Amino acid sequence: MQFWVAGLVLMSLALGVQAQATGSPPQTDSAQAGLPQSGSPTQATKRSFRAVGADNPGREHECLVEPFMVTNVGSPVDGILEHVLVNRGDRVRKGQVVARLQSGVEGAAVALSRARVEFGRRRVDRNEALFAKELISAQERDELVTEVSLREQELIKDQELLRLRTIISPIDGVVVERRLHPGEFIRAEKSVVLKLAQINPLNVEVIAPTSLFSKLKVGMSGQVNVAPYLTETFKARVVVVDKVVDAASGTMGVRLQMPNPDNRIPAGVKCGVIFDM
C-alpha cells in the first residue's frame, strides 16, 4: 500500500513539471471537446449572429434621405444676366420666373412685328369694301391676307425669342445654390444660374441585406425614422428593388418614396427604416 501511494505522488509531481515546462494549463473538459470558451465566440457563432440579424423583419436598416430631383437651371441662349429673383433657401413653383436676361433688342423686335401685323389687318379691312365692289381682284385680296398671316407668324417667332430671355423654374422645390449674379455673361447650355431641388416627395435610399431579396416588393411600406431632426416616424412606399445585388458585400439597393408636402423633413440626412412585412 505504501508503494502504491508513493507511486501516485511521483506521478503527480511528474505531470506538474511537464505543465510548467510547456507553459500551457491543463485543458478543461469543454476545451477538450472543442466547445467555445466563455467570452470568446468562434467565427461560426459570429456569422450565425449576423445571419439572424439580417433575417429579422423588425430590424431597422440604415438609410439616407435624398431629394426627389436636383436640377441645374440655366438659359438656352447667350446673354447678360439682368435680374435674379430668388435666393438660396427660397421656395419656387413650377413655371415661376426666377431670373431674366437683358432683352431690349428682342423686346423691340416684338413691338415692331406687332405694329406690322396691326397695319396689315387694317389694310385688309379697307380692301374688303373694294373687293366687294370688284375694284380689286381676288389675287390682290389673297396677297394682302397672306401678307398679314406671314406677319403674324413673325410676331410669334419674335415673342418666343423674347420668352427665351426669361428663366423659369421647371419644378416645385427650393433653391439650393445661386451661382451667378446680375451683370454676368451666360453661355447657352453651359452656365448654371441656380441649382434647385425637389423635396416633395423624398427618396429614401437603403442598402439592405440580400436575405430580404425575396421579401421586399414594390408597393410595400416602411416606417422611416429621421431622429434627432424629428421625433415622429413617417410612412414611405417601396418604389425600386434592385435586381442586381453586390455579391461581395451581400447587399442590394432599395428605394422608398416618402411624401413631404410641407417640406418638414430635411433632405440629405441619415435615417433608419423598418419594413412592414
C-alpha atoms as a PDB file:
ATOM      1  CA  MET A   1       0.000   0.000   0.000  1.00  0.00           C
ATOM      2  CA  GLN A   2       2.815   2.435   0.809  1.00  0.00           C
ATOM      3  CA  PHE A   3       4.459   1.665  -2.510  1.00  0.00           C
ATOM      4  CA  TRP A   4       1.158   2.409  -4.329  1.00  0.00           C
ATOM      5  CA  VAL A   5       0.702   5.817  -2.615  1.00  0.00           C
ATOM      6  CA  ALA A   6       4.282   6.731  -3.318  1.00  0.00           C
ATOM      7  CA  GLY A   7       3.769   5.907  -6.985  1.00  0.00           C
ATOM      8  CA  LEU A   8       0.760   8.255  -7.194  1.00  0.00           C
ATOM      9  CA  VAL A   9       2.745  11.088  -5.602  1.00  0.00           C
ATOM     10  CA  LEU A  10       5.611  10.670  -8.035  1.00  0.00           C
ATOM     11  CA  MET A  11       3.207  10.656 -10.992  1.00  0.00           C
ATOM     12  CA  SER A  12       1.537  13.904  -9.827  1.00  0.00           C
ATOM     13  CA  LEU A  13       4.916  15.590  -9.465  1.00  0.00           C
ATOM     14  CA  ALA A  14       5.900  14.493 -12.984  1.00  0.00           C
ATOM     15  CA  LEU A  15       2.701  15.947 -14.501  1.00  0.00           C
ATOM     16  CA  GLY A  16       3.247  19.264 -12.715  1.00  0.00           C
ATOM     17  CA  VAL A  17       6.793  19.542 -14.016  1.00  0.00           C
ATOM     18  CA  GLN A  18       5.615  18.856 -17.587  1.00  0.00           C
ATOM     19  CA  ALA A  19       2.910  21.571 -17.366  1.00  0.00           C
ATOM     20  CA  GLN A  20       5.460  24.140 -16.164  1.00  0.00           C
ATOM     21  CA  ALA A  21       7.851  23.216 -18.988  1.00  0.00           C
ATOM     22  CA  THR A  22       5.219  23.666 -21.727  1.00  0.00           C
ATOM     23  CA  GLY A  23       3.624  26.802 -20.189  1.00  0.00           C
ATOM     24  CA  SER A  24       0.075  25.642 -21.014  1.00  0.00           C
ATOM     25  CA  PRO A  25      -2.509  24.911 -18.347  1.00  0.00           C
ATOM     26  CA  PRO A  26      -4.321  21.630 -18.493  1.00  0.00           C
ATOM     27  CA  GLN A  27      -7.363  21.730 -20.690  1.00  0.00           C
ATOM     28  CA  THR A  28     -10.850  21.515 -19.277  1.00  0.00           C
ATOM     29  CA  ASP A  29     -13.456  19.106 -20.444  1.00  0.00           C
ATOM     30  CA  SER A  30     -15.142  21.774 -22.594  1.00  0.00           C
ATOM     31  CA  ALA A  31     -11.841  22.723 -24.280  1.00  0.00           C
ATOM     32  CA  GLN A  32     -11.034  19.079 -24.940  1.00  0.00           C
ATOM     33  CA  ALA A  33     -14.480  18.688 -26.549  1.00  0.00           C
ATOM     34  CA  GLY A  34     -13.789  21.643 -28.929  1.00  0.00           C
ATOM     35  CA  LEU A  35     -16.507  23.921 -27.445  1.00  0.00           C
ATOM     36  CA  PRO A  36     -16.045  27.747 -27.469  1.00  0.00           C
ATOM     37  CA  GLN A  37     -14.749  29.269 -24.259  1.00  0.00           C
ATOM     38  CA  SER A  38     -16.789  31.843 -22.339  1.00  0.00           C
ATOM     39  CA  GLY A  39     -16.366  35.420 -23.694  1.00  0.00           C
ATOM     40  CA  SER A  40     -14.698  34.401 -26.986  1.00  0.00           C
ATOM     41  CA  PRO A  41     -17.313  33.243 -29.587  1.00  0.00           C
ATOM     42  CA  THR A  42     -15.999  31.442 -32.633  1.00  0.00           C
ATOM     43  CA  GLN A  43     -16.285  32.786 -36.210  1.00  0.00           C
ATOM     44  CA  ALA A  44     -19.158  30.404 -36.931  1.00  0.00           C
ATOM     45  CA  THR A  45     -21.050  31.811 -33.941  1.00  0.00           C
ATOM     46  CA  LYS A  46     -20.441  35.396 -35.132  1.00  0.00           C
ATOM     47  CA  ARG A  47     -21.665  34.529 -38.619  1.00  0.00           C
ATOM     48  CA  SER A  48     -24.787  32.959 -37.170  1.00  0.00           C
ATOM     49  CA  PHE A  49     -25.463  36.144 -35.161  1.00  0.00           C
ATOM     50  CA  ARG A  50     -25.174  38.280 -38.332  1.00  0.00           C
ATOM     51  CA  ALA A  51     -27.460  35.965 -40.263  1.00  0.00           C
ATOM     52  CA  VAL A  52     -30.148  36.122 -37.567  1.00  0.00           C
ATOM     53  CA  GLY A  53     -29.978  39.941 -37.509  1.00  0.00           C
ATOM     54  CA  ALA A  54     -30.202  40.207 -41.306  1.00  0.00           C
ATOM     55  CA  ASP A  55     -33.273  37.983 -41.493  1.00  0.00           C
ATOM     56  CA  ASN A  56     -35.074  39.768 -38.683  1.00  0.00           C
ATOM     57  CA  PRO A  57     -38.094  41.535 -40.295  1.00  0.00           C
ATOM     58  CA  GLY A  58     -38.259  44.103 -37.485  1.00  0.00           C
ATOM     59  CA  ARG A  59     -34.659  45.191 -37.835  1.00  0.00           C
ATOM     60  CA  GLU A  60     -34.012  48.882 -38.539  1.00  0.00           C
ATOM     61  CA  HIS A  61     -31.860  49.377 -41.626  1.00  0.00           C
ATOM     62  CA  GLU A  62     -29.694  52.425 -42.174  1.00  0.00           C
ATOM     63  CA  CYS A  63     -30.803  54.747 -44.972  1.00  0.00           C
ATOM     64  CA  LEU A  64     -30.302  58.195 -46.442  1.00  0.00           C
ATOM     65  CA  VAL A  65     -32.964  60.783 -47.266  1.00  0.00           C
ATOM     66  CA  GLU A  66     -32.328  62.454 -50.632  1.00  0.00           C
ATOM     67  CA  PRO A  67     -34.204  64.962 -52.826  1.00  0.00           C
ATOM     68  CA  PHE A  68     -36.529  63.501 -55.416  1.00  0.00           C
ATOM     69  CA  MET A  69     -34.783  65.553 -58.092  1.00  0.00           C
ATOM     70  CA  VAL A  70     -31.896  68.025 -58.328  1.00  0.00           C
ATOM     71  CA  THR A  71     -31.649  70.205 -61.427  1.00  0.00           C
ATOM     72  CA  ASN A  72     -29.342  72.942 -62.666  1.00  0.00           C
ATOM     73  CA  VAL A  73     -31.214  75.867 -64.216  1.00  0.00           C
ATOM     74  CA  GLY A  74     -29.623  77.955 -66.960  1.00  0.00           C
ATOM     75  CA  SER A  75     -30.527  79.678 -70.201  1.00  0.00           C
ATOM     76  CA  PRO A  76     -30.891  78.221 -73.714  1.00  0.00           C
ATOM     77  CA  VAL A  77     -29.445  81.418 -75.222  1.00  0.00           C
ATOM     78  CA  ASP A  78     -26.366  83.561 -74.626  1.00  0.00           C
ATOM     79  CA  GLY A  79     -26.803  86.872 -72.870  1.00  0.00           C
ATOM     80  CA  ILE A  80     -26.168  89.140 -69.905  1.00  0.00           C
ATOM     81  CA  LEU A  81     -27.957  88.277 -66.676  1.00  0.00           C
ATOM     82  CA  GLU A  82     -30.148  91.215 -65.676  1.00  0.00           C
ATOM     83  CA  HIS A  83     -32.184  90.013 -62.671  1.00  0.00           C
ATOM     84  CA  VAL A  84     -32.134  87.021 -60.293  1.00  0.00           C
ATOM     85  CA  LEU A  85     -35.450  86.982 -58.462  1.00  0.00           C
ATOM     86  CA  VAL A  86     -34.782  84.258 -55.869  1.00  0.00           C
ATOM     87  CA  ASN A  87     -32.106  83.464 -53.305  1.00  0.00           C
ATOM     88  CA  ARG A  88     -30.760  80.390 -51.571  1.00  0.00           C
ATOM     89  CA  GLY A  89     -33.417  78.688 -49.427  1.00  0.00           C
ATOM     90  CA  ASP A  90     -36.393  80.227 -51.266  1.00  0.00           C
ATOM     91  CA  ARG A  91     -39.273  78.013 -52.349  1.00  0.00           C
ATOM     92  CA  VAL A  92     -40.146  78.074 -56.032  1.00  0.00           C
ATOM     93  CA  ARG A  93     -43.077  76.798 -58.062  1.00  0.00           C
ATOM     94  CA  LYS A  94     -43.062  75.163 -61.453  1.00  0.00           C
ATOM     95  CA  GLY A  95     -43.327  77.880 -64.115  1.00  0.00           C
ATOM     96  CA  GLN A  96     -42.227  80.650 -61.743  1.00  0.00           C
ATOM     97  CA  VAL A  97     -39.868  83.272 -63.191  1.00  0.00           C
ATOM     98  CA  VAL A  98     -36.556  83.011 -61.321  1.00  0.00           C
ATOM     99  CA  ALA A  99     -34.236  85.142 -63.490  1.00  0.00           C
ATOM    100  CA  ARG A 100     -34.174  87.343 -66.594  1.00  0.00           C
ATOM    101  CA  LEU A 101     -31.576  88.196 -69.221  1.00  0.00           C
ATOM    102  CA  GLN A 102     -31.229  91.574 -70.878  1.00  0.00           C
ATOM    103  CA  SER A 103     -33.848  91.619 -73.646  1.00  0.00           C
ATOM    104  CA  GLY A 104     -34.015  95.137 -75.073  1.00  0.00           C
ATOM    105  CA  VAL A 105     -33.362  94.045 -78.696  1.00  0.00           C
ATOM    106  CA  GLU A 106     -35.825  91.161 -78.515  1.00  0.00           C
ATOM    107  CA  GLY A 107     -38.499  93.387 -76.956  1.00  0.00           C
ATOM    108  CA  ALA A 108     -38.085  95.959 -79.752  1.00  0.00           C
ATOM    109  CA  ALA A 109     -38.418  93.190 -82.374  1.00  0.00           C
ATOM    110  CA  VAL A 110     -41.708  92.086 -80.812  1.00  0.00           C
ATOM    111  CA  ALA A 111     -43.060  95.638 -80.820  1.00  0.00           C
ATOM    112  CA  LEU A 112     -42.087  96.086 -84.491  1.00  0.00           C
ATOM    113  CA  SER A 113     -43.703  92.810 -85.553  1.00  0.00           C
ATOM    114  CA  ARG A 114     -46.881  93.666 -83.650  1.00  0.00           C
ATOM    115  CA  ALA A 115     -47.108  97.055 -85.394  1.00  0.00           C
ATOM    116  CA  ARG A 116     -46.711  95.394 -88.820  1.00  0.00           C
ATOM    117  CA  VAL A 117     -49.469  92.905 -88.034  1.00  0.00           C
ATOM    118  CA  GLU A 118     -51.866  95.647 -86.949  1.00  0.00           C
ATOM    119  CA  PHE A 119     -51.142  97.695 -90.080  1.00  0.00           C
ATOM    120  CA  GLY A 120     -51.690  94.683 -92.321  1.00  0.00           C
ATOM    121  CA  ARG A 121     -55.038  93.909 -90.699  1.00  0.00           C
ATOM    122  CA  ARG A 122     -56.198  97.493 -91.301  1.00  0.00           C
ATOM    123  CA  ARG A 123     -55.217  97.196 -94.989  1.00  0.00           C
ATOM    124  CA  VAL A 124     -57.224  94.006 -95.317  1.00  0.00           C
ATOM    125  CA  ASP A 125     -60.270  95.641 -93.709  1.00  0.00           C
ATOM    126  CA  ARG A 126     -60.073  98.646 -96.048  1.00  0.00           C
ATOM    127  CA  ASN A 127     -59.726  96.496 -99.151  1.00  0.00           C
ATOM    128  CA  GLU A 128     -62.653  94.257 -98.236  1.00  0.00           C
ATOM    129  CA  ALA A 129     -65.047  97.017 -99.367  1.00  0.00           C
ATOM    130  CA  LEU A 130     -63.120  97.452-102.628  1.00  0.00           C
ATOM    131  CA  PHE A 131     -63.220  93.693-103.248  1.00  0.00           C
ATOM    132  CA  ALA A 132     -66.986  93.670-102.654  1.00  0.00           C
ATOM    133  CA  LYS A 133     -67.323  96.352-105.342  1.00  0.00           C
ATOM    134  CA  GLU A 134     -64.965  94.333-107.575  1.00  0.00           C
ATOM    135  CA  LEU A 135     -62.459  97.190-107.619  1.00  0.00           C
ATOM    136  CA  ILE A 136     -59.598  94.805-106.754  1.00  0.00           C
ATOM    137  CA  SER A 137     -59.080  91.284-107.934  1.00  0.00           C
ATOM    138  CA  ALA A 138     -59.242  88.124-105.843  1.00  0.00           C
ATOM    139  CA  GLN A 139     -55.494  87.681-106.317  1.00  0.00           C
ATOM    140  CA  GLU A 140     -54.762  91.113-104.832  1.00  0.00           C
ATOM    141  CA  ARG A 141     -57.041  90.376-101.880  1.00  0.00           C
ATOM    142  CA  ASP A 142     -55.329  86.995-101.334  1.00  0.00           C
ATOM    143  CA  GLU A 143     -51.900  88.640-101.343  1.00  0.00           C
ATOM    144  CA  LEU A 144     -52.997  91.084 -98.628  1.00  0.00           C
ATOM    145  CA  VAL A 145     -54.422  88.312 -96.415  1.00  0.00           C
ATOM    146  CA  THR A 146     -51.330  86.134 -96.891  1.00  0.00           C
ATOM    147  CA  GLU A 147     -49.027  89.013 -96.008  1.00  0.00           C
ATOM    148  CA  VAL A 148     -50.888  89.544 -92.722  1.00  0.00           C
ATOM    149  CA  SER A 149     -50.630  85.825 -91.926  1.00  0.00           C
ATOM    150  CA  LEU A 150     -46.875  85.884 -92.503  1.00  0.00           C
ATOM    151  CA  ARG A 151     -46.525  88.947 -90.270  1.00  0.00           C
ATOM    152  CA  GLU A 152     -48.431  87.123 -87.526  1.00  0.00           C
ATOM    153  CA  GLN A 153     -46.047  84.178 -87.721  1.00  0.00           C
ATOM    154  CA  GLU A 154     -43.072  86.531 -87.455  1.00  0.00           C
ATOM    155  CA  LEU A 155     -44.661  88.058 -84.369  1.00  0.00           C
ATOM    156  CA  ILE A 156     -44.981  84.619 -82.788  1.00  0.00           C
ATOM    157  CA  LYS A 157     -41.321  83.887 -83.569  1.00  0.00           C
ATOM    158  CA  ASP A 158     -40.158  87.172 -82.014  1.00  0.00           C
ATOM    159  CA  GLN A 159     -42.289  86.535 -78.923  1.00  0.00           C
ATOM    160  CA  GLU A 160     -40.698  83.099 -78.489  1.00  0.00           C
ATOM    161  CA  LEU A 161     -37.220  84.606 -78.786  1.00  0.00           C
ATOM    162  CA  LEU A 162     -38.163  87.132 -76.118  1.00  0.00           C
ATOM    163  CA  ARG A 163     -39.523  84.346 -73.909  1.00  0.00           C
ATOM    164  CA  LEU A 164     -36.152  82.581 -74.055  1.00  0.00           C
ATOM    165  CA  ARG A 165     -34.647  85.559 -72.219  1.00  0.00           C
ATOM    166  CA  THR A 166     -36.776  84.648 -69.197  1.00  0.00           C
ATOM    167  CA  ILE A 167     -35.617  81.760 -66.999  1.00  0.00           C
ATOM    168  CA  ILE A 168     -38.376  79.812 -65.252  1.00  0.00           C
ATOM    169  CA  SER A 169     -38.329  77.030 -62.672  1.00  0.00           C
ATOM    170  CA  PRO A 170     -39.016  73.557 -64.146  1.00  0.00           C
ATOM    171  CA  ILE A 171     -40.013  72.050 -60.758  1.00  0.00           C
ATOM    172  CA  ASP A 172     -41.659  72.737 -57.414  1.00  0.00           C
ATOM    173  CA  GLY A 173     -38.823  72.890 -54.920  1.00  0.00           C
ATOM    174  CA  VAL A 174     -36.260  75.014 -53.123  1.00  0.00           C
ATOM    175  CA  VAL A 175     -33.183  76.943 -54.208  1.00  0.00           C
ATOM    176  CA  VAL A 176     -30.088  75.021 -53.116  1.00  0.00           C
ATOM    177  CA  GLU A 177     -27.453  77.280 -54.650  1.00  0.00           C
ATOM    178  CA  ARG A 178     -27.240  80.592 -56.528  1.00  0.00           C
ATOM    179  CA  ARG A 179     -24.191  80.612 -58.780  1.00  0.00           C
ATOM    180  CA  LEU A 180     -24.468  83.751 -60.953  1.00  0.00           C
ATOM    181  CA  HIS A 181     -25.362  87.363 -60.281  1.00  0.00           C
ATOM    182  CA  PRO A 182     -26.688  90.275 -62.392  1.00  0.00           C
ATOM    183  CA  GLY A 183     -24.181  91.539 -64.931  1.00  0.00           C
ATOM    184  CA  GLU A 184     -22.518  88.181 -65.546  1.00  0.00           C
ATOM    185  CA  PHE A 185     -22.425  86.662 -69.012  1.00  0.00           C
ATOM    186  CA  ILE A 186     -24.335  83.427 -69.621  1.00  0.00           C
ATOM    187  CA  ARG A 187     -23.369  80.866 -72.227  1.00  0.00           C
ATOM    188  CA  ALA A 188     -26.179  78.750 -73.602  1.00  0.00           C
ATOM    189  CA  GLU A 189     -26.413  75.272 -72.071  1.00  0.00           C
ATOM    190  CA  LYS A 190     -23.146  75.762 -70.124  1.00  0.00           C
ATOM    191  CA  SER A 191     -23.742  78.391 -67.469  1.00  0.00           C
ATOM    192  CA  VAL A 192     -25.806  77.461 -64.408  1.00  0.00           C
ATOM    193  CA  VAL A 193     -27.699  80.255 -62.695  1.00  0.00           C
ATOM    194  CA  LEU A 194     -29.471  78.274 -59.961  1.00  0.00           C
ATOM    195  CA  LYS A 195     -29.420  74.794 -58.505  1.00  0.00           C
ATOM    196  CA  LEU A 196     -32.888  73.611 -57.487  1.00  0.00           C
ATOM    197  CA  ALA A 197     -34.017  70.556 -55.513  1.00  0.00           C
ATOM    198  CA  GLN A 198     -37.454  68.960 -55.418  1.00  0.00           C
ATOM    199  CA  ILE A 199     -38.059  67.710 -51.864  1.00  0.00           C
ATOM    200  CA  ASN A 200     -41.672  66.596 -52.167  1.00  0.00           C
ATOM    201  CA  PRO A 201     -41.666  63.658 -52.356  1.00  0.00           C
ATOM    202  CA  LEU A 202     -38.320  62.495 -50.960  1.00  0.00           C
ATOM    203  CA  ASN A 203     -36.256  59.463 -51.937  1.00  0.00           C
ATOM    204  CA  VAL A 204     -35.120  57.117 -49.159  1.00  0.00           C
ATOM    205  CA  GLU A 205     -32.105  55.060 -50.262  1.00  0.00           C
ATOM    206  CA  VAL A 206     -31.448  51.826 -48.340  1.00  0.00           C
ATOM    207  CA  ILE A 207     -28.609  49.284 -48.561  1.00  0.00           C
ATOM    208  CA  ALA A 208     -30.398  46.100 -47.479  1.00  0.00           C
ATOM    209  CA  PRO A 209     -29.053  42.553 -46.995  1.00  0.00           C
ATOM    210  CA  THR A 210     -29.659  40.140 -49.856  1.00  0.00           C
ATOM    211  CA  SER A 211     -31.576  37.887 -47.466  1.00  0.00           C
ATOM    212  CA  LEU A 212     -34.503  40.298 -47.951  1.00  0.00           C
ATOM    213  CA  PHE A 213     -34.434  39.987 -51.754  1.00  0.00           C
ATOM    214  CA  SER A 214     -37.448  37.657 -51.928  1.00  0.00           C
ATOM    215  CA  LYS A 215     -39.311  39.522 -49.181  1.00  0.00           C
ATOM    216  CA  LEU A 216     -39.178  43.113 -50.407  1.00  0.00           C
ATOM    217  CA  LYS A 217     -41.689  44.006 -53.115  1.00  0.00           C
ATOM    218  CA  VAL A 218     -42.569  47.243 -54.905  1.00  0.00           C
ATOM    219  CA  GLY A 219     -45.577  48.787 -53.185  1.00  0.00           C
ATOM    220  CA  MET A 220     -44.638  47.666 -49.673  1.00  0.00           C
ATOM    221  CA  SER A 221     -44.493  50.280 -46.945  1.00  0.00           C
ATOM    222  CA  GLY A 222     -41.902  51.136 -44.339  1.00  0.00           C
ATOM    223  CA  GLN A 223     -41.550  53.366 -41.313  1.00  0.00           C
ATOM    224  CA  VAL A 224     -38.771  55.964 -41.590  1.00  0.00           C
ATOM    225  CA  ASN A 225     -37.118  57.493 -38.530  1.00  0.00           C
ATOM    226  CA  VAL A 226     -35.130  60.721 -39.003  1.00  0.00           C
ATOM    227  CA  ALA A 227     -34.171  61.341 -35.367  1.00  0.00           C
ATOM    228  CA  PRO A 228     -32.760  63.558 -33.957  1.00  0.00           C
ATOM    229  CA  TYR A 229     -34.153  66.003 -36.538  1.00  0.00           C
ATOM    230  CA  LEU A 230     -37.786  64.969 -35.951  1.00  0.00           C
ATOM    231  CA  THR A 231     -39.177  62.689 -33.267  1.00  0.00           C
ATOM    232  CA  GLU A 232     -42.050  61.062 -35.163  1.00  0.00           C
ATOM    233  CA  THR A 233     -41.781  58.397 -37.851  1.00  0.00           C
ATOM    234  CA  PHE A 234     -43.000  58.767 -41.424  1.00  0.00           C
ATOM    235  CA  LYS A 235     -44.547  56.261 -43.798  1.00  0.00           C
ATOM    236  CA  ALA A 236     -42.805  55.577 -47.114  1.00  0.00           C
ATOM    237  CA  ARG A 237     -43.505  53.234 -50.033  1.00  0.00           C
ATOM    238  CA  VAL A 238     -41.028  50.941 -51.804  1.00  0.00           C
ATOM    239  CA  VAL A 239     -40.663  52.013 -55.447  1.00  0.00           C
ATOM    240  CA  VAL A 240     -37.419  50.272 -56.500  1.00  0.00           C
ATOM    241  CA  VAL A 241     -35.843  46.947 -55.527  1.00  0.00           C
ATOM    242  CA  ASP A 242     -32.576  46.422 -57.401  1.00  0.00           C
ATOM    243  CA  LYS A 243     -32.410  43.225 -59.447  1.00  0.00           C
ATOM    244  CA  VAL A 244     -28.595  43.241 -59.393  1.00  0.00           C
ATOM    245  CA  VAL A 245     -27.025  42.600 -55.981  1.00  0.00           C
ATOM    246  CA  ASP A 246     -23.486  43.116 -54.682  1.00  0.00           C
ATOM    247  CA  ALA A 247     -22.156  39.607 -54.025  1.00  0.00           C
ATOM    248  CA  ALA A 248     -19.018  40.878 -52.277  1.00  0.00           C
ATOM    249  CA  SER A 249     -20.912  42.691 -49.503  1.00  0.00           C
ATOM    250  CA  GLY A 250     -24.111  40.635 -49.656  1.00  0.00           C
ATOM    251  CA  THR A 251     -26.259  43.763 -50.057  1.00  0.00           C
ATOM    252  CA  MET A 252     -28.667  45.324 -52.547  1.00  0.00           C
ATOM    253  CA  GLY A 253     -30.182  48.724 -53.159  1.00  0.00           C
ATOM    254  CA  VAL A 254     -33.764  49.613 -52.236  1.00  0.00           C
ATOM    255  CA  ARG A 255     -35.513  52.955 -52.792  1.00  0.00           C
ATOM    256  CA  LEU A 256     -38.580  54.201 -50.971  1.00  0.00           C
ATOM    257  CA  GLN A 257     -40.599  57.317 -51.720  1.00  0.00           C
ATOM    258  CA  MET A 258     -41.776  59.467 -48.822  1.00  0.00           C
ATOM    259  CA  PRO A 259     -44.321  62.323 -49.074  1.00  0.00           C
ATOM    260  CA  ASN A 260     -43.142  65.682 -47.745  1.00  0.00           C
ATOM    261  CA  PRO A 261     -45.970  68.118 -48.573  1.00  0.00           C
ATOM    262  CA  ASP A 262     -44.993  70.814 -46.054  1.00  0.00           C
ATOM    263  CA  ASN A 263     -41.207  70.367 -46.519  1.00  0.00           C
ATOM    264  CA  ARG A 264     -40.805  69.483 -42.826  1.00  0.00           C
ATOM    265  CA  ILE A 265     -38.441  66.586 -43.450  1.00  0.00           C
ATOM    266  CA  PRO A 266     -34.932  67.723 -44.387  1.00  0.00           C
ATOM    267  CA  ALA A 267     -33.102  66.094 -47.285  1.00  0.00           C
ATOM    268  CA  GLY A 268     -29.532  64.813 -47.119  1.00  0.00           C
ATOM    269  CA  VAL A 269     -29.802  63.328 -43.605  1.00  0.00           C
ATOM    270  CA  LYS A 270     -29.229  59.807 -42.318  1.00  0.00           C
ATOM    271  CA  CYS A 271     -32.252  57.799 -41.257  1.00  0.00           C
ATOM    272  CA  GLY A 272     -33.463  54.349 -40.243  1.00  0.00           C
ATOM    273  CA  VAL A 273     -36.255  52.328 -41.843  1.00  0.00           C
ATOM    274  CA  ILE A 274     -38.251  49.297 -40.687  1.00  0.00           C
ATOM    275  CA  PHE A 275     -40.072  47.478 -43.473  1.00  0.00           C
ATOM    276  CA  ASP A 276     -43.693  46.454 -42.875  1.00  0.00           C
ATOM    277  CA  MET A 277     -43.623  42.712 -43.589  1.00  0.00           C
END
